[in-house]
């Protein structure tokens, strides 16, 4: 079995290392989309002694929400020691960006309103809870999409620096969010932060990457 998996990985790397034609971009995109659904946690990272990331379980499920496009997943982060505590919710909708030869992740952030969370939480088990949502229900954050390209071993992505701009909630302070992401067949990792327009750090969500491994 290990030999078969190693061979499959080698073939995948060979395919993705080829020059990017329209056909190979479609194939890369299909693999990228297929890798997302599953259950993950960062328990190994926390047990290894990195105390910065919050111990978290992450559920990702493909959902049919036409208002967000053809390829959409619902993601729900839960406290690892308390599944009833929802830390964040997202829709990630995916499409090909031909100009960049990239997979584009369109970010949709669920509002943290307790009633909204109560109605939509657990959608990885019951997708009907989110089936009728539209972009108007989400927190409006234009410019926050993430662009992924194949690096030879995994997909690596980032927001366009400075594009995801907004004011610190409740203030007139201008900042921007910048997220970097990595996506392999069994691992999803990201590093988030808020920055002033000159690039100085306003707030780091963690001092290190969150690394989620498939369970």
N, C-alpha and C. Protein backbone atom coordinates (compact mmCIF):
# COMPACT_ATOMS: atom_id res chain seq x y z
N UNK A 1 0.83 -1.20 0.00
CA UNK A 1 0.00 0.00 0.00
C UNK A 1 0.87 1.26 0.00
N UNK A 2 1.95 1.24 0.84
CA UNK A 2 2.84 2.38 0.90
C UNK A 2 3.50 2.62 -0.45
N UNK A 3 3.88 1.51 -1.15
CA UNK A 3 4.51 1.63 -2.46
C UNK A 3 3.56 2.26 -3.46
N UNK A 4 2.28 1.87 -3.40
CA UNK A 4 1.27 2.42 -4.31
C UNK A 4 1.09 3.91 -4.06
N UNK A 5 1.02 4.30 -2.77
CA UNK A 5 0.85 5.72 -2.45
C UNK A 5 2.06 6.52 -2.90
N UNK A 6 3.27 5.95 -2.74
CA UNK A 6 4.47 6.65 -3.17
C UNK A 6 4.49 6.82 -4.68
N UNK A 7 4.05 5.78 -5.40
CA UNK A 7 3.99 5.87 -6.86
C UNK A 7 2.99 6.91 -7.29
N UNK A 8 1.82 6.94 -6.63
CA UNK A 8 0.80 7.93 -6.96
C UNK A 8 1.31 9.34 -6.71
N UNK A 9 2.02 9.53 -5.61
CA UNK A 9 2.57 10.84 -5.31
C UNK A 9 3.59 11.25 -6.36
N UNK A 10 4.43 10.29 -6.80
CA UNK A 10 5.43 10.60 -7.83
C UNK A 10 4.77 10.99 -9.14
N UNK A 11 3.71 10.28 -9.51
CA UNK A 11 3.00 10.61 -10.75
C UNK A 11 2.36 11.98 -10.65
N UNK A 12 1.81 12.31 -9.47
CA UNK A 12 1.17 13.61 -9.27
C UNK A 12 2.19 14.73 -9.41
N UNK A 13 3.37 14.54 -8.79
CA UNK A 13 4.41 15.56 -8.88
C UNK A 13 4.87 15.72 -10.33
N UNK A 14 5.00 14.59 -11.06
CA UNK A 14 5.40 14.67 -12.46
C UNK A 14 4.38 15.44 -13.28
N UNK A 15 3.11 15.18 -13.04
CA UNK A 15 2.05 15.89 -13.76
C UNK A 15 2.09 17.38 -13.45
N UNK A 16 2.20 17.72 -12.17
CA UNK A 16 2.14 19.12 -11.77
C UNK A 16 3.41 19.88 -12.11
N UNK A 17 4.51 19.15 -12.38
CA UNK A 17 5.76 19.82 -12.73
C UNK A 17 5.83 20.15 -14.21
N UNK A 18 4.88 19.64 -14.99
CA UNK A 18 4.87 19.92 -16.42
C UNK A 18 4.50 21.38 -16.67
N UNK A 19 4.88 21.92 -17.84
CA UNK A 19 4.47 23.29 -18.18
C UNK A 19 2.96 23.45 -18.06
N UNK A 20 2.51 24.62 -17.64
CA UNK A 20 1.10 24.82 -17.36
C UNK A 20 0.34 25.11 -18.65
N UNK A 21 -0.34 24.11 -19.16
CA UNK A 21 -1.27 24.28 -20.27
C UNK A 21 -2.66 24.41 -19.69
N UNK A 22 -3.64 24.71 -20.54
CA UNK A 22 -5.01 24.80 -20.05
C UNK A 22 -5.45 23.46 -19.47
N UNK A 23 -5.02 22.36 -20.11
CA UNK A 23 -5.42 21.03 -19.63
C UNK A 23 -4.77 20.72 -18.29
N UNK A 24 -3.46 20.98 -18.15
CA UNK A 24 -2.80 20.67 -16.89
C UNK A 24 -3.30 21.57 -15.77
N UNK A 25 -3.68 22.81 -16.08
CA UNK A 25 -4.24 23.70 -15.07
C UNK A 25 -5.57 23.14 -14.57
N UNK A 26 -6.38 22.62 -15.48
CA UNK A 26 -7.64 21.99 -15.08
C UNK A 26 -7.38 20.79 -14.19
N UNK A 27 -6.36 19.98 -14.52
CA UNK A 27 -6.05 18.80 -13.71
C UNK A 27 -5.55 19.20 -12.33
N UNK A 28 -4.71 20.20 -12.28
CA UNK A 28 -4.22 20.67 -10.99
C UNK A 28 -5.38 21.21 -10.14
N UNK A 29 -6.26 21.95 -10.78
CA UNK A 29 -7.39 22.53 -10.06
C UNK A 29 -8.30 21.43 -9.52
N UNK A 30 -8.54 20.38 -10.31
CA UNK A 30 -9.39 19.28 -9.86
C UNK A 30 -8.80 18.61 -8.62
N UNK A 31 -7.47 18.41 -8.61
CA UNK A 31 -6.83 17.81 -7.44
C UNK A 31 -6.91 18.75 -6.25
N UNK A 32 -6.69 20.02 -6.48
CA UNK A 32 -6.75 21.03 -5.42
C UNK A 32 -8.11 21.02 -4.74
N UNK A 33 -9.18 21.03 -5.53
CA UNK A 33 -10.54 21.03 -4.98
C UNK A 33 -10.81 19.73 -4.22
N UNK A 34 -10.36 18.60 -4.77
CA UNK A 34 -10.65 17.30 -4.17
C UNK A 34 -9.95 17.10 -2.83
N UNK A 35 -8.86 17.80 -2.60
CA UNK A 35 -8.09 17.59 -1.37
C UNK A 35 -8.74 18.21 -0.14
N UNK A 36 -9.66 19.15 -0.30
CA UNK A 36 -10.13 19.91 0.87
C UNK A 36 -11.02 19.15 1.84
N UNK A 37 -12.07 18.45 1.41
CA UNK A 37 -12.99 17.87 2.40
C UNK A 37 -12.30 16.89 3.34
N UNK A 38 -12.70 16.93 4.61
CA UNK A 38 -12.14 16.02 5.59
C UNK A 38 -12.17 16.64 6.98
N UNK A 39 -11.67 15.88 7.95
CA UNK A 39 -11.54 16.35 9.33
C UNK A 39 -10.06 16.41 9.68
N UNK A 40 -9.67 17.53 10.29
CA UNK A 40 -8.26 17.80 10.59
C UNK A 40 -8.14 18.27 12.04
N UNK A 41 -6.93 18.19 12.58
CA UNK A 41 -6.63 18.95 13.79
C UNK A 41 -5.15 19.29 13.84
N UNK A 42 -4.82 20.21 14.73
CA UNK A 42 -3.42 20.62 14.90
C UNK A 42 -2.84 20.06 16.19
N UNK A 43 -3.39 18.92 16.63
CA UNK A 43 -2.96 18.33 17.89
C UNK A 43 -1.50 17.95 17.91
N UNK A 44 -0.96 17.45 16.80
CA UNK A 44 0.45 17.06 16.76
C UNK A 44 1.34 18.27 16.97
N UNK A 45 0.96 19.38 16.39
CA UNK A 45 1.73 20.61 16.53
C UNK A 45 1.72 21.07 17.99
N UNK A 46 0.54 21.01 18.61
CA UNK A 46 0.43 21.45 20.01
C UNK A 46 1.20 20.52 20.93
N UNK A 47 1.09 19.20 20.71
CA UNK A 47 1.80 18.23 21.54
C UNK A 47 3.31 18.36 21.40
N UNK A 48 3.74 18.88 20.22
CA UNK A 48 5.18 19.03 19.99
C UNK A 48 5.76 20.19 20.79
N UNK A 49 4.90 20.95 21.47
CA UNK A 49 5.38 22.00 22.35
C UNK A 49 5.17 23.40 21.84
N UNK A 50 4.54 23.55 20.66
CA UNK A 50 4.25 24.88 20.15
C UNK A 50 2.95 25.34 20.78
N UNK A 51 3.05 26.22 21.77
CA UNK A 51 1.88 26.60 22.55
C UNK A 51 1.11 27.77 21.97
N UNK A 52 1.65 28.39 20.89
CA UNK A 52 0.97 29.57 20.34
C UNK A 52 -0.37 29.21 19.68
N UNK A 53 -0.43 28.22 18.78
CA UNK A 53 -1.72 27.91 18.18
C UNK A 53 -2.71 27.31 19.18
N UNK A 54 -3.95 27.72 19.06
CA UNK A 54 -5.02 27.16 19.90
C UNK A 54 -5.31 25.74 19.43
N UNK A 55 -5.37 24.75 20.33
CA UNK A 55 -5.71 23.38 19.91
C UNK A 55 -7.09 23.35 19.25
N UNK A 56 -7.14 22.92 18.00
CA UNK A 56 -8.34 23.11 17.19
C UNK A 56 -8.61 21.89 16.32
N UNK A 57 -9.90 21.57 16.18
CA UNK A 57 -10.34 20.60 15.18
C UNK A 57 -11.01 21.37 14.05
N UNK A 58 -10.75 20.96 12.83
CA UNK A 58 -11.27 21.63 11.65
C UNK A 58 -12.04 20.63 10.80
N UNK A 59 -13.31 20.94 10.54
CA UNK A 59 -14.15 20.13 9.66
C UNK A 59 -14.35 20.88 8.34
N UNK A 60 -14.11 20.21 7.23
CA UNK A 60 -14.31 20.80 5.91
C UNK A 60 -15.19 19.86 5.10
N UNK A 61 -16.26 20.43 4.51
CA UNK A 61 -17.17 19.60 3.70
C UNK A 61 -17.58 20.36 2.47
N UNK A 62 -17.63 19.66 1.33
CA UNK A 62 -18.17 20.24 0.11
C UNK A 62 -19.67 20.45 0.29
N UNK A 63 -20.16 21.63 -0.12
CA UNK A 63 -21.57 21.96 0.04
C UNK A 63 -22.10 22.56 -1.26
N UNK A 64 -23.40 22.42 -1.44
CA UNK A 64 -24.07 22.97 -2.61
C UNK A 64 -24.75 24.28 -2.21
N UNK A 65 -24.07 25.38 -2.47
CA UNK A 65 -24.61 26.72 -2.20
C UNK A 65 -24.41 27.54 -3.48
N UNK A 66 -25.37 27.46 -4.40
CA UNK A 66 -25.19 28.04 -5.74
C UNK A 66 -24.79 29.51 -5.75
N UNK A 67 -25.20 30.26 -4.74
CA UNK A 67 -24.88 31.69 -4.74
C UNK A 67 -23.38 31.95 -4.63
N UNK A 68 -22.61 30.94 -4.24
CA UNK A 68 -21.17 31.11 -4.05
C UNK A 68 -20.33 30.44 -5.14
N UNK A 69 -20.97 29.80 -6.11
CA UNK A 69 -20.22 29.20 -7.20
C UNK A 69 -20.37 27.69 -7.25
N UNK A 70 -19.56 27.09 -8.14
CA UNK A 70 -19.69 25.66 -8.42
C UNK A 70 -18.87 24.78 -7.48
N UNK A 71 -17.81 25.31 -6.91
CA UNK A 71 -16.91 24.51 -6.07
C UNK A 71 -16.77 25.22 -4.72
N UNK A 72 -17.53 24.74 -3.73
CA UNK A 72 -17.59 25.43 -2.44
C UNK A 72 -17.41 24.41 -1.31
N UNK A 73 -16.62 24.78 -0.30
CA UNK A 73 -16.56 23.98 0.92
C UNK A 73 -16.94 24.86 2.10
N UNK A 74 -17.56 24.22 3.08
CA UNK A 74 -17.84 24.86 4.36
C UNK A 74 -16.77 24.40 5.34
N UNK A 75 -16.19 25.33 6.08
CA UNK A 75 -15.15 25.01 7.07
C UNK A 75 -15.59 25.51 8.43
N UNK A 76 -15.47 24.64 9.42
CA UNK A 76 -15.82 25.00 10.80
C UNK A 76 -14.69 24.60 11.73
N UNK A 77 -14.18 25.59 12.46
CA UNK A 77 -13.12 25.37 13.44
C UNK A 77 -13.75 25.24 14.83
N UNK A 78 -13.39 24.18 15.54
CA UNK A 78 -13.90 23.94 16.88
C UNK A 78 -12.73 23.81 17.86
N UNK A 79 -12.95 24.23 19.10
CA UNK A 79 -11.94 23.99 20.13
C UNK A 79 -11.77 22.48 20.30
N UNK A 80 -10.52 22.03 20.29
CA UNK A 80 -10.26 20.59 20.32
C UNK A 80 -10.81 19.93 21.57
N UNK A 81 -10.82 20.66 22.68
CA UNK A 81 -11.31 20.09 23.94
C UNK A 81 -12.78 20.40 24.21
N UNK A 82 -13.43 21.12 23.26
CA UNK A 82 -14.84 21.48 23.45
C UNK A 82 -15.51 21.70 22.10
N UNK A 83 -16.02 20.64 21.46
CA UNK A 83 -16.62 20.77 20.13
C UNK A 83 -17.77 21.76 20.06
N UNK A 84 -18.38 22.09 21.20
CA UNK A 84 -19.48 23.06 21.19
C UNK A 84 -18.99 24.49 21.02
N UNK A 85 -17.71 24.70 21.17
CA UNK A 85 -17.15 26.05 21.03
C UNK A 85 -16.65 26.24 19.59
N UNK A 86 -17.40 26.99 18.81
CA UNK A 86 -17.04 27.25 17.42
C UNK A 86 -16.13 28.48 17.37
N UNK A 87 -14.94 28.31 16.83
CA UNK A 87 -13.95 29.38 16.79
C UNK A 87 -14.08 30.26 15.55
N UNK A 88 -14.44 29.65 14.42
CA UNK A 88 -14.66 30.43 13.20
C UNK A 88 -15.37 29.56 12.17
N UNK A 89 -16.00 30.23 11.21
CA UNK A 89 -16.69 29.55 10.11
C UNK A 89 -16.34 30.28 8.81
N UNK A 90 -16.20 29.51 7.73
CA UNK A 90 -15.88 30.09 6.44
C UNK A 90 -16.55 29.30 5.32
N UNK A 91 -16.83 29.97 4.23
CA UNK A 91 -16.97 29.32 2.94
C UNK A 91 -15.69 29.61 2.16
N UNK A 92 -15.12 28.58 1.57
CA UNK A 92 -14.09 28.74 0.56
C UNK A 92 -14.70 28.32 -0.77
N UNK A 93 -14.78 29.24 -1.72
CA UNK A 93 -15.22 28.87 -3.05
C UNK A 93 -14.01 28.95 -3.98
N UNK A 94 -13.91 28.00 -4.90
CA UNK A 94 -12.72 27.84 -5.72
C UNK A 94 -13.02 28.06 -7.20
N UNK A 95 -12.09 28.66 -7.90
CA UNK A 95 -12.18 28.80 -9.34
C UNK A 95 -10.78 28.92 -9.92
N UNK A 96 -10.67 28.72 -11.21
CA UNK A 96 -9.39 28.86 -11.89
C UNK A 96 -9.19 30.32 -12.28
N UNK A 97 -8.01 30.82 -11.98
CA UNK A 97 -7.60 32.14 -12.46
C UNK A 97 -6.61 31.91 -13.60
N UNK A 98 -7.11 31.98 -14.83
CA UNK A 98 -6.26 31.63 -15.98
C UNK A 98 -5.13 32.62 -16.17
N UNK A 99 -5.36 33.89 -15.88
CA UNK A 99 -4.33 34.89 -16.07
C UNK A 99 -3.12 34.63 -15.19
N UNK A 100 -3.36 34.16 -13.97
CA UNK A 100 -2.27 33.86 -13.05
C UNK A 100 -1.84 32.40 -13.10
N UNK A 101 -2.55 31.58 -13.87
CA UNK A 101 -2.32 30.13 -13.87
C UNK A 101 -2.38 29.61 -12.43
N UNK A 102 -3.44 29.98 -11.74
CA UNK A 102 -3.56 29.70 -10.31
C UNK A 102 -4.95 29.21 -9.97
N UNK A 103 -5.04 28.58 -8.79
CA UNK A 103 -6.34 28.27 -8.20
C UNK A 103 -6.67 29.40 -7.24
N UNK A 104 -7.85 29.95 -7.41
CA UNK A 104 -8.26 31.09 -6.60
C UNK A 104 -9.23 30.64 -5.52
N UNK A 105 -8.92 30.96 -4.27
CA UNK A 105 -9.79 30.69 -3.14
C UNK A 105 -10.49 32.00 -2.80
N UNK A 106 -11.79 32.04 -3.01
CA UNK A 106 -12.60 33.20 -2.66
C UNK A 106 -13.06 33.03 -1.22
N UNK A 107 -12.65 33.96 -0.38
CA UNK A 107 -12.89 33.86 1.06
C UNK A 107 -14.21 34.51 1.44
N UNK A 108 -15.04 33.77 2.19
CA UNK A 108 -16.31 34.28 2.69
C UNK A 108 -16.38 34.01 4.19
N UNK A 109 -16.40 35.08 4.97
CA UNK A 109 -16.35 34.98 6.43
C UNK A 109 -17.75 35.07 7.03
N UNK A 110 -18.11 34.11 7.85
CA UNK A 110 -19.41 34.13 8.52
C UNK A 110 -19.40 35.19 9.63
N UNK A 111 -20.50 35.91 9.78
CA UNK A 111 -20.56 36.89 10.88
C UNK A 111 -20.54 36.18 12.23
N UNK A 112 -19.88 36.77 13.23
CA UNK A 112 -19.77 36.12 14.54
C UNK A 112 -21.00 36.29 15.42
N UNK A 113 -22.09 36.79 14.88
CA UNK A 113 -23.32 36.98 15.65
C UNK A 113 -23.77 35.64 16.25
N UNK A 114 -24.03 35.58 17.56
CA UNK A 114 -24.38 34.30 18.20
C UNK A 114 -25.59 33.60 17.58
N UNK A 115 -26.61 34.38 17.18
CA UNK A 115 -27.78 33.75 16.57
C UNK A 115 -27.42 33.12 15.22
N UNK A 116 -26.59 33.83 14.44
CA UNK A 116 -26.18 33.31 13.14
C UNK A 116 -25.34 32.04 13.32
N UNK A 117 -24.43 32.08 14.27
CA UNK A 117 -23.60 30.90 14.55
C UNK A 117 -24.49 29.73 14.98
N UNK A 118 -25.46 30.03 15.81
CA UNK A 118 -26.35 28.98 16.29
C UNK A 118 -27.13 28.31 15.18
N UNK A 119 -27.52 29.10 14.16
CA UNK A 119 -28.31 28.55 13.05
C UNK A 119 -27.45 27.76 12.07
N UNK A 120 -26.19 28.11 11.95
CA UNK A 120 -25.37 27.54 10.88
C UNK A 120 -24.31 26.55 11.36
N UNK A 121 -23.98 26.56 12.61
CA UNK A 121 -22.95 25.65 13.11
C UNK A 121 -23.35 24.21 12.84
N UNK A 122 -22.36 23.35 12.63
CA UNK A 122 -22.64 21.95 12.37
C UNK A 122 -23.03 21.67 10.94
N UNK A 123 -22.80 22.62 10.03
CA UNK A 123 -23.20 22.42 8.64
C UNK A 123 -22.36 21.35 7.94
N UNK A 124 -21.24 20.95 8.53
CA UNK A 124 -20.47 19.83 7.97
C UNK A 124 -21.23 18.51 8.16
N UNK A 125 -22.15 18.49 9.12
CA UNK A 125 -23.01 17.33 9.34
C UNK A 125 -24.37 17.50 8.69
N UNK A 126 -24.84 18.74 8.59
CA UNK A 126 -26.15 19.04 8.03
C UNK A 126 -26.03 20.24 7.10
N UNK A 127 -25.63 20.02 5.83
CA UNK A 127 -25.40 21.13 4.90
C UNK A 127 -26.62 21.98 4.63
N UNK A 128 -27.82 21.48 4.94
CA UNK A 128 -29.03 22.27 4.73
C UNK A 128 -29.00 23.56 5.55
N UNK A 129 -28.20 23.59 6.61
CA UNK A 129 -28.14 24.77 7.46
C UNK A 129 -27.54 25.98 6.75
N UNK A 130 -26.79 25.73 5.67
CA UNK A 130 -26.15 26.85 4.97
C UNK A 130 -26.57 26.95 3.50
N UNK A 131 -27.48 26.07 3.06
CA UNK A 131 -27.80 25.96 1.64
C UNK A 131 -28.39 27.23 1.05
N UNK A 132 -29.07 28.03 1.85
CA UNK A 132 -29.75 29.22 1.33
C UNK A 132 -28.99 30.52 1.59
N UNK A 133 -27.77 30.42 2.09
CA UNK A 133 -26.99 31.64 2.33
C UNK A 133 -26.53 32.26 1.02
N UNK A 134 -26.30 33.57 1.07
CA UNK A 134 -25.80 34.31 -0.09
C UNK A 134 -24.63 35.18 0.38
N UNK A 135 -23.85 35.73 -0.55
CA UNK A 135 -22.75 36.61 -0.14
C UNK A 135 -23.20 37.78 0.72
N UNK A 136 -24.46 38.21 0.58
CA UNK A 136 -24.96 39.31 1.40
C UNK A 136 -25.01 38.95 2.88
N UNK A 137 -25.02 37.66 3.20
CA UNK A 137 -25.04 37.23 4.60
C UNK A 137 -23.66 37.25 5.24
N UNK A 138 -22.61 37.36 4.42
CA UNK A 138 -21.25 37.25 4.91
C UNK A 138 -20.69 38.61 5.34
N UNK A 139 -19.58 38.57 6.09
CA UNK A 139 -18.86 39.80 6.43
C UNK A 139 -18.23 40.34 5.15
N UNK A 140 -18.54 41.58 4.76
CA UNK A 140 -18.02 42.10 3.47
C UNK A 140 -16.53 42.45 3.57
N UNK A 141 -15.69 41.67 2.90
CA UNK A 141 -14.25 41.92 2.89
C UNK A 141 -13.71 41.73 1.47
N UNK A 142 -13.87 42.70 0.59
CA UNK A 142 -13.34 42.56 -0.77
C UNK A 142 -11.82 42.55 -0.78
N UNK A 143 -11.26 41.89 -1.78
CA UNK A 143 -9.81 41.86 -1.94
C UNK A 143 -9.11 40.83 -1.09
N UNK A 144 -9.86 39.91 -0.48
CA UNK A 144 -9.27 38.97 0.47
C UNK A 144 -9.11 37.56 -0.10
N UNK A 145 -9.12 37.43 -1.41
CA UNK A 145 -8.98 36.12 -2.02
C UNK A 145 -7.52 35.64 -1.94
N UNK A 146 -7.34 34.32 -1.99
CA UNK A 146 -6.01 33.71 -1.89
C UNK A 146 -5.73 32.98 -3.20
N UNK A 147 -4.52 33.18 -3.74
CA UNK A 147 -4.14 32.61 -5.03
C UNK A 147 -3.08 31.54 -4.81
N UNK A 148 -3.38 30.31 -5.27
CA UNK A 148 -2.50 29.16 -5.06
C UNK A 148 -1.83 28.73 -6.36
N UNK A 149 -0.54 28.46 -6.27
CA UNK A 149 0.18 27.83 -7.38
C UNK A 149 0.90 26.60 -6.86
N UNK A 150 1.18 25.68 -7.78
CA UNK A 150 1.86 24.44 -7.43
C UNK A 150 3.35 24.69 -7.34
N UNK A 151 3.98 24.25 -6.24
CA UNK A 151 5.40 24.55 -6.02
C UNK A 151 6.30 23.34 -6.24
N UNK A 152 5.72 22.20 -6.63
CA UNK A 152 6.51 20.99 -6.80
C UNK A 152 6.23 19.95 -5.75
N UNK A 153 5.72 20.34 -4.59
CA UNK A 153 5.35 19.41 -3.53
C UNK A 153 3.97 19.70 -2.95
N UNK A 154 3.50 20.92 -3.11
CA UNK A 154 2.22 21.32 -2.53
C UNK A 154 1.76 22.59 -3.23
N UNK A 155 0.53 22.97 -2.96
CA UNK A 155 0.03 24.26 -3.39
C UNK A 155 0.38 25.30 -2.33
N UNK A 156 0.89 26.44 -2.75
CA UNK A 156 1.17 27.53 -1.83
C UNK A 156 0.42 28.77 -2.31
N UNK A 157 -0.21 29.47 -1.35
CA UNK A 157 -1.04 30.61 -1.73
C UNK A 157 -0.89 31.77 -0.77
N UNK A 158 -1.34 32.92 -1.24
CA UNK A 158 -1.33 34.12 -0.40
C UNK A 158 -2.32 35.12 -0.97
N UNK A 159 -2.81 36.00 -0.09
CA UNK A 159 -3.56 37.16 -0.54
C UNK A 159 -2.60 38.13 -1.22
N UNK A 160 -3.14 38.95 -2.11
CA UNK A 160 -2.35 40.07 -2.61
C UNK A 160 -2.11 41.03 -1.45
N UNK A 161 -0.85 41.31 -1.18
CA UNK A 161 -0.50 42.10 0.00
C UNK A 161 -1.11 43.49 -0.10
N UNK A 162 -1.84 43.88 0.93
CA UNK A 162 -2.47 45.19 1.00
C UNK A 162 -3.86 45.26 0.42
N UNK A 163 -4.29 44.19 -0.29
CA UNK A 163 -5.59 44.23 -0.97
C UNK A 163 -6.76 44.04 -0.03
N UNK A 164 -6.56 43.25 1.02
CA UNK A 164 -7.65 42.94 1.97
C UNK A 164 -7.66 44.01 3.06
N UNK A 165 -8.06 45.22 2.69
CA UNK A 165 -7.94 46.38 3.57
C UNK A 165 -9.27 46.72 4.23
N UNK A 166 -9.19 47.18 5.48
CA UNK A 166 -10.38 47.58 6.22
C UNK A 166 -9.92 48.38 7.44
N UNK A 167 -10.85 48.84 8.21
CA UNK A 167 -10.53 49.56 9.44
C UNK A 167 -10.69 48.62 10.64
N UNK A 168 -9.83 48.80 11.62
CA UNK A 168 -9.98 48.03 12.85
C UNK A 168 -11.40 48.24 13.36
N UNK A 169 -12.14 47.17 13.63
CA UNK A 169 -13.54 47.32 14.06
C UNK A 169 -13.69 48.33 15.19
N UNK A 170 -14.60 49.29 14.97
CA UNK A 170 -14.90 50.29 15.98
C UNK A 170 -13.94 51.45 16.03
N UNK A 171 -13.02 51.53 15.05
CA UNK A 171 -12.03 52.61 15.04
C UNK A 171 -11.90 53.18 13.62
N UNK A 172 -11.04 54.19 13.47
CA UNK A 172 -10.70 54.73 12.16
C UNK A 172 -9.29 54.33 11.74
N UNK A 173 -8.74 53.27 12.34
CA UNK A 173 -7.39 52.82 12.05
C UNK A 173 -7.40 51.93 10.81
N UNK A 174 -6.64 52.31 9.79
CA UNK A 174 -6.56 51.54 8.56
C UNK A 174 -5.54 50.41 8.72
N UNK A 175 -5.97 49.21 8.36
CA UNK A 175 -5.08 48.05 8.37
C UNK A 175 -5.43 47.16 7.17
N UNK A 176 -4.63 46.13 6.98
CA UNK A 176 -5.01 45.09 6.00
C UNK A 176 -4.68 43.73 6.59
N UNK A 177 -5.45 42.74 6.15
CA UNK A 177 -5.20 41.36 6.54
C UNK A 177 -4.36 40.70 5.45
N UNK A 178 -3.42 39.87 5.87
CA UNK A 178 -2.63 39.12 4.89
C UNK A 178 -2.50 37.69 5.37
N UNK A 179 -3.02 36.76 4.58
CA UNK A 179 -2.97 35.34 4.91
C UNK A 179 -2.10 34.61 3.89
N UNK A 180 -1.28 33.71 4.40
CA UNK A 180 -0.54 32.78 3.56
C UNK A 180 -1.04 31.37 3.87
N UNK A 181 -1.12 30.51 2.86
CA UNK A 181 -1.65 29.17 3.03
C UNK A 181 -0.81 28.15 2.29
N UNK A 182 -0.84 26.92 2.79
CA UNK A 182 -0.22 25.77 2.13
C UNK A 182 -1.22 24.64 2.13
N UNK A 183 -1.31 23.92 1.02
CA UNK A 183 -2.30 22.85 0.88
C UNK A 183 -1.65 21.65 0.19
N UNK A 184 -1.56 20.54 0.92
CA UNK A 184 -1.14 19.27 0.33
C UNK A 184 -2.30 18.30 0.45
N UNK A 185 -2.08 17.05 0.07
CA UNK A 185 -3.19 16.09 0.10
C UNK A 185 -3.72 15.88 1.50
N UNK A 186 -2.86 15.95 2.52
CA UNK A 186 -3.28 15.63 3.88
C UNK A 186 -3.00 16.71 4.90
N UNK A 187 -2.53 17.87 4.45
CA UNK A 187 -2.19 18.94 5.39
C UNK A 187 -2.67 20.28 4.86
N UNK A 188 -3.23 21.08 5.76
CA UNK A 188 -3.61 22.46 5.47
C UNK A 188 -2.96 23.34 6.53
N UNK A 189 -2.21 24.34 6.08
CA UNK A 189 -1.51 25.22 7.02
C UNK A 189 -1.73 26.67 6.60
N UNK A 190 -1.76 27.56 7.60
CA UNK A 190 -1.91 28.98 7.28
C UNK A 190 -1.27 29.84 8.34
N UNK A 191 -0.94 31.06 7.94
CA UNK A 191 -0.37 32.07 8.82
C UNK A 191 -1.10 33.37 8.54
N UNK A 192 -1.76 33.92 9.56
CA UNK A 192 -2.59 35.12 9.41
C UNK A 192 -2.00 36.29 10.20
N UNK A 193 -2.27 37.48 9.72
CA UNK A 193 -1.88 38.66 10.48
C UNK A 193 -2.56 39.90 9.96
N UNK A 194 -2.63 40.93 10.81
CA UNK A 194 -3.14 42.25 10.43
C UNK A 194 -1.97 43.22 10.43
N UNK A 195 -1.94 44.12 9.45
CA UNK A 195 -0.80 45.00 9.26
C UNK A 195 -1.26 46.43 8.97
N UNK A 196 -0.44 47.40 9.42
CA UNK A 196 -0.66 48.79 9.04
C UNK A 196 -0.32 48.96 7.55
N UNK A 197 -0.82 50.01 6.91
CA UNK A 197 -0.53 50.22 5.48
C UNK A 197 0.96 50.23 5.14
N UNK A 198 1.82 50.64 6.09
CA UNK A 198 3.26 50.66 5.82
C UNK A 198 3.92 49.29 6.00
N UNK A 199 3.13 48.28 6.36
CA UNK A 199 3.66 46.92 6.52
C UNK A 199 4.00 46.53 7.94
N UNK A 200 3.99 47.47 8.86
CA UNK A 200 4.26 47.13 10.26
C UNK A 200 3.13 46.25 10.81
N UNK A 201 3.48 45.39 11.74
CA UNK A 201 2.50 44.45 12.30
C UNK A 201 1.55 45.17 13.24
N UNK A 202 0.25 45.00 13.00
CA UNK A 202 -0.75 45.45 13.97
C UNK A 202 -1.06 44.32 14.94
N UNK A 203 -1.31 43.12 14.40
CA UNK A 203 -1.61 41.97 15.25
C UNK A 203 -1.33 40.69 14.48
N UNK A 204 -0.64 39.77 15.12
CA UNK A 204 -0.47 38.42 14.60
C UNK A 204 -1.49 37.51 15.27
N UNK A 205 -2.18 36.68 14.46
CA UNK A 205 -3.13 35.74 15.04
C UNK A 205 -2.41 34.59 15.74
N UNK A 206 -1.18 34.32 15.32
CA UNK A 206 -0.33 33.33 15.95
C UNK A 206 1.11 33.66 15.56
N UNK A 207 2.05 33.29 16.41
CA UNK A 207 3.45 33.53 16.10
C UNK A 207 4.00 32.54 15.08
N UNK A 208 3.26 31.47 14.84
CA UNK A 208 3.73 30.45 13.91
C UNK A 208 2.56 29.97 13.07
N UNK A 209 2.86 29.21 12.04
CA UNK A 209 1.82 28.64 11.19
C UNK A 209 0.92 27.70 11.99
N UNK A 210 -0.37 27.75 11.71
CA UNK A 210 -1.27 26.68 12.15
C UNK A 210 -1.12 25.55 11.15
N UNK A 211 -0.88 24.34 11.64
CA UNK A 211 -0.68 23.17 10.77
C UNK A 211 -1.73 22.13 11.12
N UNK A 212 -2.66 21.89 10.20
CA UNK A 212 -3.75 20.94 10.41
C UNK A 212 -3.49 19.68 9.58
N UNK A 213 -3.52 18.54 10.24
CA UNK A 213 -3.30 17.27 9.57
C UNK A 213 -4.60 16.48 9.50
N UNK A 214 -4.79 15.81 8.37
CA UNK A 214 -6.01 15.01 8.17
C UNK A 214 -6.05 13.85 9.17
N UNK A 215 -7.24 13.63 9.71
CA UNK A 215 -7.44 12.54 10.68
C UNK A 215 -8.11 11.35 10.02
